[in-house]
PDB file of N, CA and C in Angstrom:
ATOM      1  N   UNK A   1      -2.724  36.545 -34.292  1.00  0.00           N
ATOM      2  CA  UNK A   1      -2.416  35.407 -35.128  1.00  0.00           C
ATOM      3  C   UNK A   1      -3.126  34.197 -34.534  1.00  0.00           C
ATOM      4  N   UNK A   2      -3.343  33.203 -35.382  1.00  0.00           N
ATOM      5  CA  UNK A   2      -4.145  32.041 -34.988  1.00  0.00           C
ATOM      6  C   UNK A   2      -3.551  30.780 -35.612  1.00  0.00           C
ATOM      7  N   UNK A   3      -3.318  29.779 -34.769  1.00  0.00           N
ATOM      8  CA  UNK A   3      -2.845  28.493 -35.264  1.00  0.00           C
ATOM      9  C   UNK A   3      -3.630  27.367 -34.624  1.00  0.00           C
ATOM     10  N   UNK A   4      -3.823  26.297 -35.373  1.00  0.00           N
ATOM     11  CA  UNK A   4      -4.551  25.130 -34.882  1.00  0.00           C
ATOM     12  C   UNK A   4      -3.778  23.864 -35.199  1.00  0.00           C
ATOM     13  N   UNK A   5      -3.964  22.867 -34.328  1.00  0.00           N
ATOM     14  CA  UNK A   5      -3.384  21.547 -34.569  1.00  0.00           C
ATOM     15  C   UNK A   5      -4.340  20.504 -34.014  1.00  0.00           C
ATOM     16  N   UNK A   6      -4.687  19.544 -34.839  1.00  0.00           N
ATOM     17  CA  UNK A   6      -5.522  18.433 -34.397  1.00  0.00           C
ATOM     18  C   UNK A   6      -4.593  17.267 -34.087  1.00  0.00           C
ATOM     19  N   UNK A   7      -4.614  16.827 -32.833  1.00  0.00           N
ATOM     20  CA  UNK A   7      -3.708  15.760 -32.401  1.00  0.00           C
ATOM     21  C   UNK A   7      -4.105  14.431 -33.033  1.00  0.00           C
ATOM     22  N   UNK A   8      -3.195  13.463 -33.055  1.00  0.00           N
ATOM     23  CA  UNK A   8      -3.543  12.143 -33.598  1.00  0.00           C
ATOM     24  C   UNK A   8      -4.749  11.518 -32.899  1.00  0.00           C
ATOM     25  N   UNK A   9      -5.002  11.871 -31.646  1.00  0.00           N
ATOM     26  CA  UNK A   9      -6.167  11.364 -30.930  1.00  0.00           C
ATOM     27  C   UNK A   9      -7.448  12.118 -31.251  1.00  0.00           C
ATOM     28  N   UNK A  10      -7.343  13.164 -32.059  1.00  0.00           N
ATOM     29  CA  UNK A  10      -8.514  13.893 -32.499  1.00  0.00           C
ATOM     30  C   UNK A  10      -8.853  15.144 -31.713  1.00  0.00           C
ATOM     31  N   UNK A  11      -8.037  15.523 -30.727  1.00  0.00           N
ATOM     32  CA  UNK A  11      -8.307  16.730 -29.949  1.00  0.00           C
ATOM     33  C   UNK A  11      -7.689  17.944 -30.641  1.00  0.00           C
ATOM     34  N   UNK A  12      -8.403  19.057 -30.553  1.00  0.00           N
ATOM     35  CA  UNK A  12      -7.964  20.290 -31.190  1.00  0.00           C
ATOM     36  C   UNK A  12      -7.221  21.165 -30.185  1.00  0.00           C
ATOM     37  N   UNK A  13      -6.075  21.694 -30.602  1.00  0.00           N
ATOM     38  CA  UNK A  13      -5.309  22.653 -29.809  1.00  0.00           C
ATOM     39  C   UNK A  13      -5.244  23.939 -30.629  1.00  0.00           C
ATOM     40  N   UNK A  14      -5.639  25.049 -30.000  1.00  0.00           N
ATOM     41  CA  UNK A  14      -5.688  26.344 -30.673  1.00  0.00           C
ATOM     42  C   UNK A  14      -4.769  27.307 -29.942  1.00  0.00           C
ATOM     43  N   UNK A  15      -3.994  28.069 -30.700  1.00  0.00           N
ATOM     44  CA  UNK A  15      -3.135  29.110 -30.131  1.00  0.00           C
ATOM     45  C   UNK A  15      -3.453  30.431 -30.824  1.00  0.00           C
ATOM     46  N   UNK A  16      -3.876  31.397 -30.036  1.00  0.00           N
ATOM     47  CA  UNK A  16      -4.096  32.756 -30.525  1.00  0.00           C
ATOM     48  C   UNK A  16      -3.094  33.652 -29.821  1.00  0.00           C
ATOM     49  N   UNK A  17      -2.505  34.572 -30.562  1.00  0.00           N
ATOM     50  CA  UNK A  17      -1.459  35.411 -29.986  1.00  0.00           C
ATOM     51  C   UNK A  17      -1.182  36.603 -30.880  1.00  0.00           C
ATOM     52  N   UNK A  18      -0.456  37.546 -30.308  1.00  0.00           N
ATOM     53  CA  UNK A  18       0.070  38.689 -31.046  1.00  0.00           C
ATOM     54  C   UNK A  18       1.583  38.527 -31.104  1.00  0.00           C
ATOM     55  N   UNK A  19       2.195  39.242 -32.023  1.00  0.00           N
ATOM     56  CA  UNK A  19       3.650  39.295 -32.097  1.00  0.00           C
ATOM     57  C   UNK A  19       4.055  40.747 -31.897  1.00  0.00           C
ATOM     58  N   UNK A  20       4.927  40.958 -30.914  1.00  0.00           N
ATOM     59  CA  UNK A  20       5.422  42.299 -30.629  1.00  0.00           C
ATOM     60  C   UNK A  20       6.925  42.176 -30.359  1.00  0.00           C
ATOM     61  N   UNK A  21       7.711  42.964 -31.064  1.00  0.00           N
ATOM     62  CA  UNK A  21       9.172  42.908 -30.918  1.00  0.00           C
ATOM     63  C   UNK A  21       9.693  41.484 -31.110  1.00  0.00           C
ATOM     64  N   UNK A  22       9.119  40.774 -32.080  1.00  0.00           N
ATOM     65  CA  UNK A  22       9.519  39.403 -32.421  1.00  0.00           C
ATOM     66  C   UNK A  22       9.356  38.429 -31.257  1.00  0.00           C
ATOM     67  N   UNK A  23       8.375  38.694 -30.394  1.00  0.00           N
ATOM     68  CA  UNK A  23       8.081  37.812 -29.271  1.00  0.00           C
ATOM     69  C   UNK A  23       6.588  37.474 -29.262  1.00  0.00           C
ATOM     70  N   UNK A  24       6.275  36.278 -28.722  1.00  0.00           N
ATOM     71  CA  UNK A  24       4.878  35.902 -28.529  1.00  0.00           C
ATOM     72  C   UNK A  24       4.301  36.761 -27.406  1.00  0.00           C
ATOM     73  N   UNK A  25       3.148  37.379 -27.654  1.00  0.00           N
ATOM     74  CA  UNK A  25       2.472  38.220 -26.668  1.00  0.00           C
ATOM     75  C   UNK A  25       0.975  37.929 -26.669  1.00  0.00           C
ATOM     76  N   UNK A  26       0.339  38.191 -25.542  1.00  0.00           N
ATOM     77  CA  UNK A  26      -1.119  38.015 -25.396  1.00  0.00           C
ATOM     78  C   UNK A  26      -1.547  36.613 -25.841  1.00  0.00           C
ATOM     79  N   UNK A  27      -0.822  35.623 -25.381  1.00  0.00           N
ATOM     80  CA  UNK A  27      -1.043  34.234 -25.790  1.00  0.00           C
ATOM     81  C   UNK A  27      -2.287  33.670 -25.099  1.00  0.00           C
ATOM     82  N   UNK A  28      -3.105  32.993 -25.902  1.00  0.00           N
ATOM     83  CA  UNK A  28      -4.268  32.258 -25.395  1.00  0.00           C
ATOM     84  C   UNK A  28      -4.197  30.859 -26.007  1.00  0.00           C
ATOM     85  N   UNK A  29      -4.198  29.843 -25.154  1.00  0.00           N
ATOM     86  CA  UNK A  29      -4.211  28.454 -25.611  1.00  0.00           C
ATOM     87  C   UNK A  29      -5.560  27.869 -25.217  1.00  0.00           C
ATOM     88  N   UNK A  30      -6.237  27.259 -26.193  1.00  0.00           N
ATOM     89  CA  UNK A  30      -7.549  26.675 -25.932  1.00  0.00           C
ATOM     90  C   UNK A  30      -7.720  25.443 -26.815  1.00  0.00           C
ATOM     91  N   UNK A  31      -8.876  24.811 -26.700  1.00  0.00           N
ATOM     92  CA  UNK A  31      -9.171  23.642 -27.517  1.00  0.00           C
ATOM     93  C   UNK A  31     -10.128  22.717 -26.810  1.00  0.00           C
ATOM     94  N   UNK A  32     -10.282  21.530 -27.362  1.00  0.00           N
ATOM     95  CA  UNK A  32     -11.221  20.568 -26.771  1.00  0.00           C
ATOM     96  C   UNK A  32     -10.495  19.483 -25.984  1.00  0.00           C
ATOM     97  N   UNK A  33      -9.311  19.797 -25.506  1.00  0.00           N
ATOM     98  CA  UNK A  33      -8.520  18.895 -24.675  1.00  0.00           C
ATOM     99  C   UNK A  33      -8.933  19.052 -23.205  1.00  0.00           C
ATOM    100  N   UNK A  34      -8.366  18.200 -22.354  1.00  0.00           N
ATOM    101  CA  UNK A  34      -8.627  18.264 -20.920  1.00  0.00           C
ATOM    102  C   UNK A  34      -7.318  18.523 -20.180  1.00  0.00           C
ATOM    103  N   UNK A  35      -7.391  19.362 -19.169  1.00  0.00           N
ATOM    104  CA  UNK A  35      -6.232  19.727 -18.377  1.00  0.00           C
ATOM    105  C   UNK A  35      -6.644  19.791 -16.918  1.00  0.00           C
ATOM    106  N   UNK A  36      -5.905  19.063 -16.080  1.00  0.00           N
ATOM    107  CA  UNK A  36      -6.203  19.093 -14.656  1.00  0.00           C
ATOM    108  C   UNK A  36      -4.917  19.240 -13.877  1.00  0.00           C
ATOM    109  N   UNK A  37      -4.819  20.203 -12.995  1.00  0.00           N
ATOM    110  CA  UNK A  37      -5.820  21.223 -12.712  1.00  0.00           C
ATOM    111  C   UNK A  37      -5.843  22.280 -13.818  1.00  0.00           C
ATOM    112  N   UNK A  38      -6.979  22.916 -13.972  1.00  0.00           N
ATOM    113  CA  UNK A  38      -7.151  23.913 -15.036  1.00  0.00           C
ATOM    114  C   UNK A  38      -6.166  25.067 -14.904  1.00  0.00           C
ATOM    115  N   UNK A  39      -5.736  25.346 -13.680  1.00  0.00           N
ATOM    116  CA  UNK A  39      -4.801  26.446 -13.449  1.00  0.00           C
ATOM    117  C   UNK A  39      -3.458  26.214 -14.129  1.00  0.00           C
ATOM    118  N   UNK A  40      -3.182  24.988 -14.507  1.00  0.00           N
ATOM    119  CA  UNK A  40      -1.927  24.688 -15.204  1.00  0.00           C
ATOM    120  C   UNK A  40      -1.858  25.411 -16.544  1.00  0.00           C
ATOM    121  N   UNK A  41      -3.020  25.789 -17.078  1.00  0.00           N
ATOM    122  CA  UNK A  41      -3.031  26.522 -18.342  1.00  0.00           C
ATOM    123  C   UNK A  41      -2.295  27.854 -18.194  1.00  0.00           C
ATOM    124  N   UNK A  42      -2.388  28.480 -17.023  1.00  0.00           N
ATOM    125  CA  UNK A  42      -1.658  29.724 -16.782  1.00  0.00           C
ATOM    126  C   UNK A  42      -0.151  29.491 -16.873  1.00  0.00           C
ATOM    127  N   UNK A  43       0.318  28.358 -16.376  1.00  0.00           N
ATOM    128  CA  UNK A  43       1.741  28.028 -16.448  1.00  0.00           C
ATOM    129  C   UNK A  43       2.174  27.802 -17.895  1.00  0.00           C
ATOM    130  N   UNK A  44       1.309  27.148 -18.679  1.00  0.00           N
ATOM    131  CA  UNK A  44       1.611  26.906 -20.092  1.00  0.00           C
ATOM    132  C   UNK A  44       1.741  28.230 -20.836  1.00  0.00           C
ATOM    133  N   UNK A  45       0.755  29.096 -20.642  1.00  0.00           N
ATOM    134  CA  UNK A  45       0.783  30.408 -21.306  1.00  0.00           C
ATOM    135  C   UNK A  45       1.992  31.212 -20.834  1.00  0.00           C
ATOM    136  N   UNK A  46       2.285  31.160 -19.548  1.00  0.00           N
ATOM    137  CA  UNK A  46       3.431  31.881 -19.014  1.00  0.00           C
ATOM    138  C   UNK A  46       4.749  31.428 -19.608  1.00  0.00           C
ATOM    139  N   UNK A  47       4.843  30.153 -19.952  1.00  0.00           N
ATOM    140  CA  UNK A  47       6.061  29.624 -20.561  1.00  0.00           C
ATOM    141  C   UNK A  47       6.260  30.135 -21.978  1.00  0.00           C
ATOM    142  N   UNK A  48       5.169  30.466 -22.637  1.00  0.00           N
ATOM    143  CA  UNK A  48       5.224  30.913 -24.032  1.00  0.00           C
ATOM    144  C   UNK A  48       5.380  32.425 -24.132  1.00  0.00           C
ATOM    145  N   UNK A  49       4.687  33.124 -23.256  1.00  0.00           N
ATOM    146  CA  UNK A  49       4.668  34.587 -23.280  1.00  0.00           C
ATOM    147  C   UNK A  49       6.098  35.125 -23.240  1.00  0.00           C
ATOM    148  N   UNK A  50       6.460  35.919 -24.228  1.00  0.00           N
ATOM    149  CA  UNK A  50       7.785  36.527 -24.272  1.00  0.00           C
ATOM    150  C   UNK A  50       8.842  35.724 -25.004  1.00  0.00           C
ATOM    151  N   UNK A  51       8.529  34.468 -25.369  1.00  0.00           N
ATOM    152  CA  UNK A  51       9.490  33.688 -26.162  1.00  0.00           C
ATOM    153  C   UNK A  51       9.666  34.341 -27.533  1.00  0.00           C
ATOM    154  N   UNK A  52      10.837  34.207 -28.079  1.00  0.00           N
ATOM    155  CA  UNK A  52      11.104  34.693 -29.430  1.00  0.00           C
ATOM    156  C   UNK A  52      10.297  33.877 -30.439  1.00  0.00           C
ATOM    157  N   UNK A  53       9.790  34.553 -31.461  1.00  0.00           N
ATOM    158  CA  UNK A  53       9.061  33.823 -32.501  1.00  0.00           C
ATOM    159  C   UNK A  53       9.997  32.952 -33.331  1.00  0.00           C
ATOM    160  N   UNK A  54      11.301  33.121 -33.159  1.00  0.00           N
ATOM    161  CA  UNK A  54      12.276  32.275 -33.847  1.00  0.00           C
ATOM    162  C   UNK A  54      12.490  30.949 -33.120  1.00  0.00           C
ATOM    163  N   UNK A  55      11.915  30.799 -31.928  1.00  0.00           N
ATOM    164  CA  UNK A  55      12.072  29.566 -31.151  1.00  0.00           C
ATOM    165  C   UNK A  55      11.437  28.411 -31.910  1.00  0.00           C
ATOM    166  N   UNK A  56      12.183  27.314 -32.066  1.00  0.00           N
ATOM    167  CA  UNK A  56      11.646  26.179 -32.828  1.00  0.00           C
ATOM    168  C   UNK A  56      10.673  25.354 -31.981  1.00  0.00           C
ATOM    169  N   UNK A  57       9.964  24.444 -32.658  1.00  0.00           N
ATOM    170  CA  UNK A  57       8.933  23.637 -31.994  1.00  0.00           C
ATOM    171  C   UNK A  57       9.462  22.872 -30.791  1.00  0.00           C
ATOM    172  N   UNK A  58      10.621  22.255 -30.936  1.00  0.00           N
ATOM    173  CA  UNK A  58      11.116  21.437 -29.835  1.00  0.00           C
ATOM    174  C   UNK A  58      11.460  22.289 -28.611  1.00  0.00           C
ATOM    175  N   UNK A  59      11.995  23.481 -28.829  1.00  0.00           N
ATOM    176  CA  UNK A  59      12.320  24.365 -27.704  1.00  0.00           C
ATOM    177  C   UNK A  59      11.057  24.912 -27.044  1.00  0.00           C
ATOM    178  N   UNK A  60      10.037  25.206 -27.834  1.00  0.00           N
ATOM    179  CA  UNK A  60       8.755  25.642 -27.266  1.00  0.00           C
ATOM    180  C   UNK A  60       8.170  24.516 -26.421  1.00  0.00           C
ATOM    181  N   UNK A  61       8.180  23.311 -26.957  1.00  0.00           N
ATOM    182  CA  UNK A  61       7.634  22.159 -26.223  1.00  0.00           C
ATOM    183  C   UNK A  61       8.392  21.935 -24.915  1.00  0.00           C
ATOM    184  N   UNK A  62       9.705  22.081 -24.939  1.00  0.00           N
ATOM    185  CA  UNK A  62      10.499  21.916 -23.710  1.00  0.00           C
ATOM    186  C   UNK A  62      10.137  22.986 -22.679  1.00  0.00           C
ATOM    187  N   UNK A  63       9.931  24.216 -23.140  1.00  0.00           N
ATOM    188  CA  UNK A  63       9.562  25.308 -22.224  1.00  0.00           C
ATOM    189  C   UNK A  63       8.201  25.042 -21.591  1.00  0.00           C
ATOM    190  N   UNK A  64       7.257  24.582 -22.395  1.00  0.00           N
ATOM    191  CA  UNK A  64       5.922  24.263 -21.877  1.00  0.00           C
ATOM    192  C   UNK A  64       6.010  23.114 -20.878  1.00  0.00           C
ATOM    193  N   UNK A  65       6.719  22.061 -21.248  1.00  0.00           N
ATOM    194  CA  UNK A  65       6.847  20.898 -20.368  1.00  0.00           C
ATOM    195  C   UNK A  65       7.487  21.273 -19.034  1.00  0.00           C
ATOM    196  N   UNK A  66       8.498  22.118 -19.069  1.00  0.00           N
ATOM    197  CA  UNK A  66       9.177  22.532 -17.841  1.00  0.00           C
ATOM    198  C   UNK A  66       8.276  23.379 -16.945  1.00  0.00           C
ATOM    199  N   UNK A  67       7.329  24.085 -17.538  1.00  0.00           N
ATOM    200  CA  UNK A  67       6.465  24.983 -16.773  1.00  0.00           C
ATOM    201  C   UNK A  67       5.263  24.286 -16.147  1.00  0.00           C
ATOM    202  N   UNK A  68       4.892  23.136 -16.682  1.00  0.00           N
ATOM    203  CA  UNK A  68       3.710  22.437 -16.185  1.00  0.00           C
ATOM    204  C   UNK A  68       3.999  21.880 -14.788  1.00  0.00           C
ATOM    205  N   UNK A  69       3.151  22.224 -13.815  1.00  0.00           N
ATOM    206  CA  UNK A  69       3.385  21.738 -12.444  1.00  0.00           C
ATOM    207  C   UNK A  69       3.333  20.212 -12.353  1.00  0.00           C
ATOM    208  N   UNK A  70       4.116  19.660 -11.424  1.00  0.00           N
ATOM    209  CA  UNK A  70       4.088  18.216 -11.177  1.00  0.00           C
ATOM    210  C   UNK A  70       2.661  17.789 -10.862  1.00  0.00           C
ATOM    211  N   UNK A  71       2.282  16.624 -11.369  1.00  0.00           N
ATOM    212  CA  UNK A  71       0.957  16.081 -11.108  1.00  0.00           C
ATOM    213  C   UNK A  71      -0.112  16.551 -12.071  1.00  0.00           C
ATOM    214  N   UNK A  72       0.253  17.420 -13.009  1.00  0.00           N
ATOM    215  CA  UNK A  72      -0.717  17.910 -13.991  1.00  0.00           C
ATOM    216  C   UNK A  72      -1.045  16.804 -14.985  1.00  0.00           C
ATOM    217  N   UNK A  73      -2.321  16.675 -15.301  1.00  0.00           N
ATOM    218  CA  UNK A  73      -2.761  15.716 -16.313  1.00  0.00           C
ATOM    219  C   UNK A  73      -3.146  16.463 -17.578  1.00  0.00           C
ATOM    220  N   UNK A  74      -2.443  16.146 -18.658  1.00  0.00           N
ATOM    221  CA  UNK A  74      -2.736  16.717 -19.969  1.00  0.00           C
ATOM    222  C   UNK A  74      -3.349  15.600 -20.801  1.00  0.00           C
ATOM    223  N   UNK A  75      -4.656  15.648 -20.978  1.00  0.00           N
ATOM    224  CA  UNK A  75      -5.361  14.585 -21.683  1.00  0.00           C
ATOM    225  C   UNK A  75      -5.794  15.063 -23.064  1.00  0.00           C
ATOM    226  N   UNK A  76      -5.306  14.378 -24.088  1.00  0.00           N
ATOM    227  CA  UNK A  76      -5.682  14.717 -25.453  1.00  0.00           C
ATOM    228  C   UNK A  76      -4.778  15.719 -26.121  1.00  0.00           C
ATOM    229  N   UNK A  77      -3.734  16.156 -25.416  1.00  0.00           N
ATOM    230  CA  UNK A  77      -2.767  17.061 -26.029  1.00  0.00           C
ATOM    231  C   UNK A  77      -1.446  16.960 -25.277  1.00  0.00           C
ATOM    232  N   UNK A  78      -0.447  17.651 -25.780  1.00  0.00           N
ATOM    233  CA  UNK A  78       0.902  17.562 -25.224  1.00  0.00           C
ATOM    234  C   UNK A  78       1.611  18.901 -25.416  1.00  0.00           C
ATOM    235  N   UNK A  79       2.757  19.079 -24.778  1.00  0.00           N
ATOM    236  CA  UNK A  79       3.542  20.289 -25.042  1.00  0.00           C
ATOM    237  C   UNK A  79       3.897  20.427 -26.533  1.00  0.00           C
ATOM    238  N   UNK A  80       4.147  19.299 -27.180  1.00  0.00           N
ATOM    239  CA  UNK A  80       4.460  19.325 -28.616  1.00  0.00           C
ATOM    240  C   UNK A  80       3.280  19.849 -29.435  1.00  0.00           C
ATOM    241  N   UNK A  81       2.068  19.473 -29.058  1.00  0.00           N
ATOM    242  CA  UNK A  81       0.874  19.934 -29.776  1.00  0.00           C
ATOM    243  C   UNK A  81       0.710  21.447 -29.641  1.00  0.00           C
ATOM    244  N   UNK A  82       1.004  21.977 -28.464  1.00  0.00           N
ATOM    245  CA  UNK A  82       0.942  23.424 -28.255  1.00  0.00           C
ATOM    246  C   UNK A  82       1.973  24.105 -29.154  1.00  0.00           C
ATOM    247  N   UNK A  83       3.174  23.562 -29.202  1.00  0.00           N
ATOM    248  CA  UNK A  83       4.237  24.131 -30.024  1.00  0.00           C
ATOM    249  C   UNK A  83       3.868  24.126 -31.503  1.00  0.00           C
ATOM    250  N   UNK A  84       3.279  23.047 -31.979  1.00  0.00           N
ATOM    251  CA  UNK A  84       2.877  22.963 -33.384  1.00  0.00           C
ATOM    252  C   UNK A  84       1.821  24.015 -33.694  1.00  0.00           C
ATOM    253  N   UNK A  85       0.837  24.182 -32.816  1.00  0.00           N
ATOM    254  CA  UNK A  85      -0.205  25.187 -33.034  1.00  0.00           C
ATOM    255  C   UNK A  85       0.393  26.588 -33.100  1.00  0.00           C
ATOM    256  N   UNK A  86       1.336  26.879 -32.221  1.00  0.00           N
ATOM    257  CA  UNK A  86       1.994  28.188 -32.243  1.00  0.00           C
ATOM    258  C   UNK A  86       2.738  28.410 -33.550  1.00  0.00           C
ATOM    259  N   UNK A  87       3.538  27.457 -33.944  1.00  0.00           N
ATOM    260  CA  UNK A  87       4.319  27.613 -35.184  1.00  0.00           C
ATOM    261  C   UNK A  87       3.400  27.746 -36.399  1.00  0.00           C
ATOM    262  N   UNK A  88       2.280  27.011 -36.396  1.00  0.00           N
ATOM    263  CA  UNK A  88       1.326  27.138 -37.510  1.00  0.00           C
ATOM    264  C   UNK A  88       0.716  28.533 -37.549  1.00  0.00           C
ATOM    265  N   UNK A  89       0.533  29.128 -36.381  1.00  0.00           N
ATOM    266  CA  UNK A  89      -0.004  30.484 -36.336  1.00  0.00           C
ATOM    267  C   UNK A  89       0.928  31.513 -36.963  1.00  0.00           C
ATOM    268  N   UNK A  90       2.192  31.210 -36.975  1.00  0.00           N
ATOM    269  CA  UNK A  90       3.169  32.123 -37.592  1.00  0.00           C
ATOM    270  C   UNK A  90       3.270  31.936 -39.099  1.00  0.00           C
ATOM    271  N   UNK A  91       2.786  30.807 -39.595  1.00  0.00           N
ATOM    272  CA  UNK A  91       2.979  30.468 -41.014  1.00  0.00           C
ATOM    273  C   UNK A  91       2.221  31.386 -41.953  1.00  0.00           C
TER     274      UNK A  91
END
C-alpha cells in the first residue's frame, strides 16, 4: 500500500507498507524531508511496525513522537505528517 502527504511547508512524506493480520508490516517511510540523525528513521519505522491498522492518526503520531530519540531534528515533516501518509495509504 502507498500513501502520500504534502506538508504545509511543501515537503512530501511517503509511506509504503503491507497489511498482514490487520497490522502495518514492512513499513518504509521516505520523502523529501530532512531528518538528523538519519538513524532516527529506524525508530520511526519501528514505532509503526506492528501497529493495528485501526489505530487513528493521533495515536500513530504519538507513537512516532515517543519513538524519536531526544535531539532528533525533523525538518519539513512531523509525526502527524507520517500518520496522515499512513492513513491515506489505507484509503
